[in-house]
Amino acid sequence: MNIRELIPKHKDDQEVIDGLKKLSFEELKPIIPELLVWMQDMNWPIGRPIADILKPFVSRMTSEIIKILRTNDSTWEYWVLTNLVRDTTDPLLLIEIERIAKFPSKVEIEDEVNLEAIAILNGDYK
């Protein structure tokens, strides 16, 4: 099977979830950026299952997550913080979370992304 066939095609593409759940990180790795896109809006039915599949591999997706945390898409940043990295101990992710907490952009403040970053740094979810 071609791994790309397991990339969701629409926001309620539940048919791919079972196949994705069976894959190791090494098998998922080529499509992780495409899977993370489906976390841009956790109100989409596909968002939660994708987050659940990716969460065990957070420490191995640091560069992809940092790219998201550096976008201008504060909603996506928020969803990644709340659904993937709340309990991270990864030093590189913590540096980026600290940047959001201490030097948030205007939109990160408006969308309360900085408050989530502060809560993570304070250990509010441990």
C-alpha atoms as a PDB file:
ATOM      1  CA  MET A   1       0.000   0.000   0.000  1.00  0.00           C
ATOM      2  CA  ASN A   2       1.108   3.539  -0.744  1.00  0.00           C
ATOM      3  CA  ILE A   3       1.378   5.474   2.544  1.00  0.00           C
ATOM      4  CA  ARG A   4      -0.021   8.580   0.832  1.00  0.00           C
ATOM      5  CA  GLU A   5      -3.353   6.793   0.496  1.00  0.00           C
ATOM      6  CA  LEU A   6      -3.720   7.168   4.266  1.00  0.00           C
ATOM      7  CA  ILE A   7      -3.615  10.967   4.209  1.00  0.00           C
ATOM      8  CA  PRO A   8      -7.172  12.151   4.933  1.00  0.00           C
ATOM      9  CA  LYS A   9      -8.927  13.564   1.905  1.00  0.00           C
ATOM     10  CA  HIS A  10     -11.596  15.551   3.753  1.00  0.00           C
ATOM     11  CA  LYS A  11     -12.315  16.716   7.301  1.00  0.00           C
ATOM     12  CA  ASP A  12     -14.423  13.646   8.129  1.00  0.00           C
ATOM     13  CA  ASP A  13     -12.298  10.980   6.421  1.00  0.00           C
ATOM     14  CA  GLN A  14     -12.553   8.413   9.211  1.00  0.00           C
ATOM     15  CA  GLU A  15     -11.775   5.550   6.838  1.00  0.00           C
ATOM     16  CA  VAL A  16      -8.022   6.201   7.037  1.00  0.00           C
ATOM     17  CA  ILE A  17      -7.816   6.207  10.840  1.00  0.00           C
ATOM     18  CA  ASP A  18      -7.620   2.453  11.379  1.00  0.00           C
ATOM     19  CA  GLY A  19      -4.809   2.178   8.854  1.00  0.00           C
ATOM     20  CA  LEU A  20      -2.897   5.065  10.434  1.00  0.00           C
ATOM     21  CA  LYS A  21      -3.222   3.536  13.918  1.00  0.00           C
ATOM     22  CA  LYS A  22      -1.359   0.430  12.751  1.00  0.00           C
ATOM     23  CA  LEU A  23       1.721   2.318  11.581  1.00  0.00           C
ATOM     24  CA  SER A  24       4.988   2.861  13.392  1.00  0.00           C
ATOM     25  CA  PHE A  25       6.593   6.282  13.573  1.00  0.00           C
ATOM     26  CA  GLU A  26       9.011   5.360  10.787  1.00  0.00           C
ATOM     27  CA  GLU A  27       6.086   4.436   8.566  1.00  0.00           C
ATOM     28  CA  LEU A  28       4.173   7.629   9.448  1.00  0.00           C
ATOM     29  CA  LYS A  29       7.167   9.929   9.146  1.00  0.00           C
ATOM     30  CA  PRO A  30       6.831  10.752   5.416  1.00  0.00           C
ATOM     31  CA  ILE A  31       3.259  12.016   5.873  1.00  0.00           C
ATOM     32  CA  ILE A  32       3.479  13.717   9.280  1.00  0.00           C
ATOM     33  CA  PRO A  33       3.371  17.264   7.839  1.00  0.00           C
ATOM     34  CA  GLU A  34       0.199  16.396   5.922  1.00  0.00           C
ATOM     35  CA  LEU A  35      -1.351  14.823   9.017  1.00  0.00           C
ATOM     36  CA  LEU A  36      -0.557  17.868  11.143  1.00  0.00           C
ATOM     37  CA  VAL A  37      -2.490  20.034   8.685  1.00  0.00           C
ATOM     38  CA  TRP A  38      -5.629  18.237   9.845  1.00  0.00           C
ATOM     39  CA  MET A  39      -5.058  19.688  13.318  1.00  0.00           C
ATOM     40  CA  GLN A  40      -5.580  23.243  12.095  1.00  0.00           C
ATOM     41  CA  ASP A  41      -9.146  23.030  13.372  1.00  0.00           C
ATOM     42  CA  MET A  42      -9.870  20.525  16.094  1.00  0.00           C
ATOM     43  CA  ASN A  43     -13.577  20.994  15.439  1.00  0.00           C
ATOM     44  CA  TRP A  44     -13.089  18.913  12.311  1.00  0.00           C
ATOM     45  CA  PRO A  45     -14.065  15.305  13.033  1.00  0.00           C
ATOM     46  CA  ILE A  46     -10.658  14.102  11.787  1.00  0.00           C
ATOM     47  CA  GLY A  47      -8.692  16.372  14.145  1.00  0.00           C
ATOM     48  CA  ARG A  48      -8.988  14.404  17.397  1.00  0.00           C
ATOM     49  CA  PRO A  49      -8.125  10.982  15.920  1.00  0.00           C
ATOM     50  CA  ILE A  50      -5.093  12.458  14.139  1.00  0.00           C
ATOM     51  CA  ALA A  51      -3.916  14.086  17.382  1.00  0.00           C
ATOM     52  CA  ASP A  52      -4.348  10.786  19.228  1.00  0.00           C
ATOM     53  CA  ILE A  53      -2.262   8.966  16.612  1.00  0.00           C
ATOM     54  CA  LEU A  54       0.524  11.569  16.627  1.00  0.00           C
ATOM     55  CA  LYS A  55       0.747  12.308  20.356  1.00  0.00           C
ATOM     56  CA  PRO A  56       2.954   9.315  21.250  1.00  0.00           C
ATOM     57  CA  PHE A  57       5.496  10.539  18.702  1.00  0.00           C
ATOM     58  CA  VAL A  58       5.716  14.211  19.753  1.00  0.00           C
ATOM     59  CA  SER A  59       9.350  13.965  20.805  1.00  0.00           C
ATOM     60  CA  ARG A  60      10.199  12.678  17.336  1.00  0.00           C
ATOM     61  CA  MET A  61       8.301  15.454  15.503  1.00  0.00           C
ATOM     62  CA  THR A  62      10.001  18.439  17.104  1.00  0.00           C
ATOM     63  CA  SER A  63      10.982  20.208  13.897  1.00  0.00           C
ATOM     64  CA  GLU A  64       7.503  19.852  12.387  1.00  0.00           C
ATOM     65  CA  ILE A  65       5.874  21.176  15.564  1.00  0.00           C
ATOM     66  CA  ILE A  66       8.266  24.116  15.821  1.00  0.00           C
ATOM     67  CA  LYS A  67       7.408  25.068  12.231  1.00  0.00           C
ATOM     68  CA  ILE A  68       3.741  25.244  13.249  1.00  0.00           C
ATOM     69  CA  LEU A  69       4.512  27.263  16.386  1.00  0.00           C
ATOM     70  CA  ARG A  70       6.334  29.775  14.184  1.00  0.00           C
ATOM     71  CA  THR A  71       3.478  30.275  11.732  1.00  0.00           C
ATOM     72  CA  ASN A  72       1.040  33.164  11.762  1.00  0.00           C
ATOM     73  CA  ASP A  73      -1.773  30.668  12.314  1.00  0.00           C
ATOM     74  CA  SER A  74      -2.429  31.149  16.017  1.00  0.00           C
ATOM     75  CA  THR A  75      -5.409  28.804  15.953  1.00  0.00           C
ATOM     76  CA  TRP A  76      -3.217  25.989  14.667  1.00  0.00           C
ATOM     77  CA  GLU A  77      -0.573  26.869  17.260  1.00  0.00           C
ATOM     78  CA  TYR A  78      -3.213  26.708  19.991  1.00  0.00           C
ATOM     79  CA  TRP A  79      -4.498  23.315  18.890  1.00  0.00           C
ATOM     80  CA  VAL A  80      -0.979  21.883  18.734  1.00  0.00           C
ATOM     81  CA  LEU A  81      -0.171  23.230  22.190  1.00  0.00           C
ATOM     82  CA  THR A  82      -3.376  21.919  23.734  1.00  0.00           C
ATOM     83  CA  ASN A  83      -3.488  18.555  21.988  1.00  0.00           C
ATOM     84  CA  LEU A  84       0.120  17.516  21.463  1.00  0.00           C
ATOM     85  CA  VAL A  85       2.645  19.301  23.658  1.00  0.00           C
ATOM     86  CA  ARG A  86       0.979  20.110  26.977  1.00  0.00           C
ATOM     87  CA  ASP A  87       3.239  17.710  28.861  1.00  0.00           C
ATOM     88  CA  THR A  88       6.369  17.968  26.737  1.00  0.00           C
ATOM     89  CA  THR A  89       9.826  17.886  28.246  1.00  0.00           C
ATOM     90  CA  ASP A  90      11.558  18.363  24.909  1.00  0.00           C
ATOM     91  CA  PRO A  91      14.050  21.222  25.368  1.00  0.00           C
ATOM     92  CA  LEU A  92      13.641  22.560  21.824  1.00  0.00           C
ATOM     93  CA  LEU A  93       9.860  22.633  22.102  1.00  0.00           C
ATOM     94  CA  LEU A  94      10.108  24.277  25.510  1.00  0.00           C
ATOM     95  CA  ILE A  95      12.294  27.035  24.052  1.00  0.00           C
ATOM     96  CA  GLU A  96       9.624  27.785  21.449  1.00  0.00           C
ATOM     97  CA  ILE A  97       6.842  27.595  24.034  1.00  0.00           C
ATOM     98  CA  GLU A  98       8.802  30.014  26.206  1.00  0.00           C
ATOM     99  CA  ARG A  99       9.105  32.391  23.254  1.00  0.00           C
ATOM    100  CA  ILE A 100       5.321  32.348  22.866  1.00  0.00           C
ATOM    101  CA  ALA A 101       4.836  32.902  26.598  1.00  0.00           C
ATOM    102  CA  LYS A 102       7.327  35.756  26.920  1.00  0.00           C
ATOM    103  CA  PHE A 103       7.247  37.410  23.486  1.00  0.00           C
ATOM    104  CA  PRO A 104       3.890  36.589  21.904  1.00  0.00           C
ATOM    105  CA  SER A 105       2.720  38.171  18.713  1.00  0.00           C
ATOM    106  CA  LYS A 106      -0.373  40.331  18.779  1.00  0.00           C
ATOM    107  CA  VAL A 107      -2.486  37.524  17.344  1.00  0.00           C
ATOM    108  CA  GLU A 108      -1.058  34.999  19.839  1.00  0.00           C
ATOM    109  CA  ILE A 109      -2.225  37.327  22.610  1.00  0.00           C
ATOM    110  CA  GLU A 110      -5.643  37.870  21.014  1.00  0.00           C
ATOM    111  CA  ASP A 111      -6.160  34.109  20.637  1.00  0.00           C
ATOM    112  CA  GLU A 112      -4.719  33.358  24.098  1.00  0.00           C
ATOM    113  CA  VAL A 113      -1.984  31.132  22.715  1.00  0.00           C
ATOM    114  CA  ASN A 114       0.422  32.841  25.100  1.00  0.00           C
ATOM    115  CA  LEU A 115      -1.755  31.855  28.063  1.00  0.00           C
ATOM    116  CA  GLU A 116      -1.601  28.215  27.020  1.00  0.00           C
ATOM    117  CA  ALA A 117       2.182  28.502  26.661  1.00  0.00           C
ATOM    118  CA  ILE A 118       2.425  29.997  30.158  1.00  0.00           C
ATOM    119  CA  ALA A 119       0.296  27.180  31.587  1.00  0.00           C
ATOM    120  CA  ILE A 120       2.528  24.569  29.943  1.00  0.00           C
ATOM    121  CA  LEU A 121       5.659  26.206  31.330  1.00  0.00           C
ATOM    122  CA  ASN A 122       4.070  26.429  34.788  1.00  0.00           C
ATOM    123  CA  GLY A 123       3.317  22.699  34.724  1.00  0.00           C
ATOM    124  CA  ASP A 124      -0.404  23.223  35.034  1.00  0.00           C
ATOM    125  CA  TYR A 125      -1.098  19.981  33.129  1.00  0.00           C
ATOM    126  CA  LYS A 126       1.269  17.635  34.938  1.00  0.00           C
END
